[in-house]
Protein backbone atom coordinates (compact mmCIF):
# COMPACT_ATOMS: atom_id res chain seq x y z
CA MET A 1 115.24 111.07 63.11
CA ALA A 2 117.38 109.69 65.39
CA ARG A 3 116.19 106.69 67.66
CA PRO A 4 115.48 107.25 70.60
CA PRO A 5 117.27 105.05 73.31
CA LYS A 6 115.45 102.31 75.21
CA PHE A 7 113.63 102.56 78.52
CA VAL A 8 115.54 101.42 80.91
CA ASP A 9 112.70 101.01 83.72
CA VAL A 10 110.35 98.97 80.67
CA LEU A 11 109.44 96.72 83.18
CA GLU A 12 108.24 98.79 85.64
CA LYS A 13 105.69 100.82 83.04
CA VAL A 14 105.04 97.46 81.74
CA ARG A 15 103.42 96.37 85.46
CA VAL A 16 101.73 99.78 86.14
CA ALA A 17 100.15 99.50 82.65
CA ALA A 18 98.56 96.19 83.76
CA ARG A 19 97.95 97.31 86.98
CA THR A 20 95.85 100.25 86.09
CA GLY A 21 94.27 98.62 82.79
CA ALA A 22 96.24 100.88 80.72
CA TYR A 23 96.91 99.11 78.01
CA ARG A 24 94.76 97.98 74.64
CA PRO A 25 95.56 94.64 72.20
CA THR A 26 95.78 95.37 69.01
CA LEU A 27 93.86 93.78 66.28
CA HIS A 28 96.78 91.52 65.30
CA ALA A 29 97.28 91.13 68.96
CA ILE A 30 93.94 89.91 68.93
CA GLN A 31 94.01 87.82 66.65
CA ARG A 32 97.13 85.60 67.23
CA MET A 33 95.37 85.40 70.51
CA LYS A 34 92.69 83.64 68.68
CA GLU A 35 95.22 81.30 66.78
CA ARG A 36 97.74 80.71 69.52
CA ASP A 37 95.05 79.40 72.05
CA VAL A 38 96.41 82.52 75.06
CA ASP A 39 93.41 84.68 76.56
CA LEU A 40 93.34 88.02 77.95
CA THR A 41 93.40 87.06 81.53
CA GLU A 42 96.90 84.78 80.47
CA VAL A 43 98.38 88.10 78.90
CA ASP A 44 97.52 90.16 82.02
CA TYR A 45 99.30 87.86 84.28
CA VAL A 46 102.60 87.68 82.32
CA LEU A 47 102.63 91.11 82.50
CA LYS A 48 102.36 91.70 86.08
CA ASN A 49 104.71 89.04 86.17
CA GLY A 50 106.99 88.45 83.51
CA HIS A 51 109.82 89.28 82.46
CA ASN A 52 111.60 91.32 79.93
CA CYS A 53 113.26 89.08 77.35
CA LYS A 54 115.96 91.34 76.01
CA LYS A 55 116.91 89.36 72.93
CA HIS A 56 113.43 90.39 71.65
CA ASP A 57 113.39 93.79 72.30
CA LYS A 58 113.31 95.50 68.31
CA TRP A 59 113.37 98.79 67.16
CA LYS A 60 110.53 98.95 64.71
CA ASP A 61 111.15 101.81 61.84
CA GLU A 62 107.73 101.82 60.43
CA PHE A 63 106.43 102.45 63.30
CA GLN A 64 109.00 104.54 64.60
CA CYS A 65 108.93 103.00 68.55
CA TRP A 66 110.87 100.00 70.19
CA THR A 67 108.89 96.69 70.92
CA TYR A 68 109.66 95.15 74.30
CA GLY A 69 109.70 91.36 74.69
CA ILE A 70 107.93 90.55 77.53
CA CYS A 71 108.37 86.61 78.86
CA GLY A 72 106.67 84.23 81.18
CA LYS A 73 104.50 81.50 82.45
CA THR A 74 100.76 81.52 82.96
CA PHE A 75 99.21 80.75 86.33
CA ASP A 76 98.58 77.41 84.69
CA GLY A 77 102.27 77.36 83.45
CA LYS A 78 102.09 78.19 79.37
CA LYS A 79 105.17 79.53 78.19
CA ILE A 80 104.26 82.91 76.77
CA ARG A 81 105.79 85.76 75.31
CA LEU A 82 104.59 89.19 74.29
CA ALA A 83 105.93 92.46 71.99
CA VAL A 84 104.64 95.32 73.83
CA ALA A 85 104.76 99.26 72.68
CA PHE A 86 104.22 102.54 74.24
CA SER A 87 102.38 104.96 72.19
CA GLY A 88 99.97 106.90 74.96
CA LYS A 89 98.67 103.48 76.50
CA MET A 90 100.61 100.34 76.15
CA MET A 91 99.99 98.07 73.45
CA ILE A 92 99.97 94.83 72.71
CA VAL A 93 101.35 94.10 69.73
CA THR A 94 101.69 90.11 69.13
CA VAL A 95 101.26 87.20 71.40
CA ILE A 96 103.35 84.05 70.76
CA ASN A 97 102.43 81.05 72.17
CA GLU A 98 106.12 79.63 72.88
CA GLU A 99 104.47 75.72 73.15
CA LEU A 100 103.64 75.57 70.21
CA LYS A 101 107.35 76.50 68.74
CA ASP A 102 109.47 73.69 67.75
CA GLY A 103 112.72 73.78 69.38
CA GLN A 104 112.83 77.69 70.00
CA GLU A 105 115.27 79.00 73.07
CA PHE A 106 112.68 80.74 76.12
């Protein structure tokens, strides 16, 4: 099967999903949120206010879909990065607390 193109309007799709509540975290994302001290209100804030960090967009062969990197600061300034994918509702695939990583570019 041919790889579909990336969404051109991914940030708008993310914002609509966040505004309407049409998203859910995967079990993996929930576990990472606990491990990385990030809560769902912080995730929601970054979905609504972050930006697409295109260097983190990746094609996932195992799921046959694109994941998109969404980066931003929470309301209290914590830098986090989300990986989101679209399969019906938007899914939060994983959550990274960038402040816990050494020397990584945000």
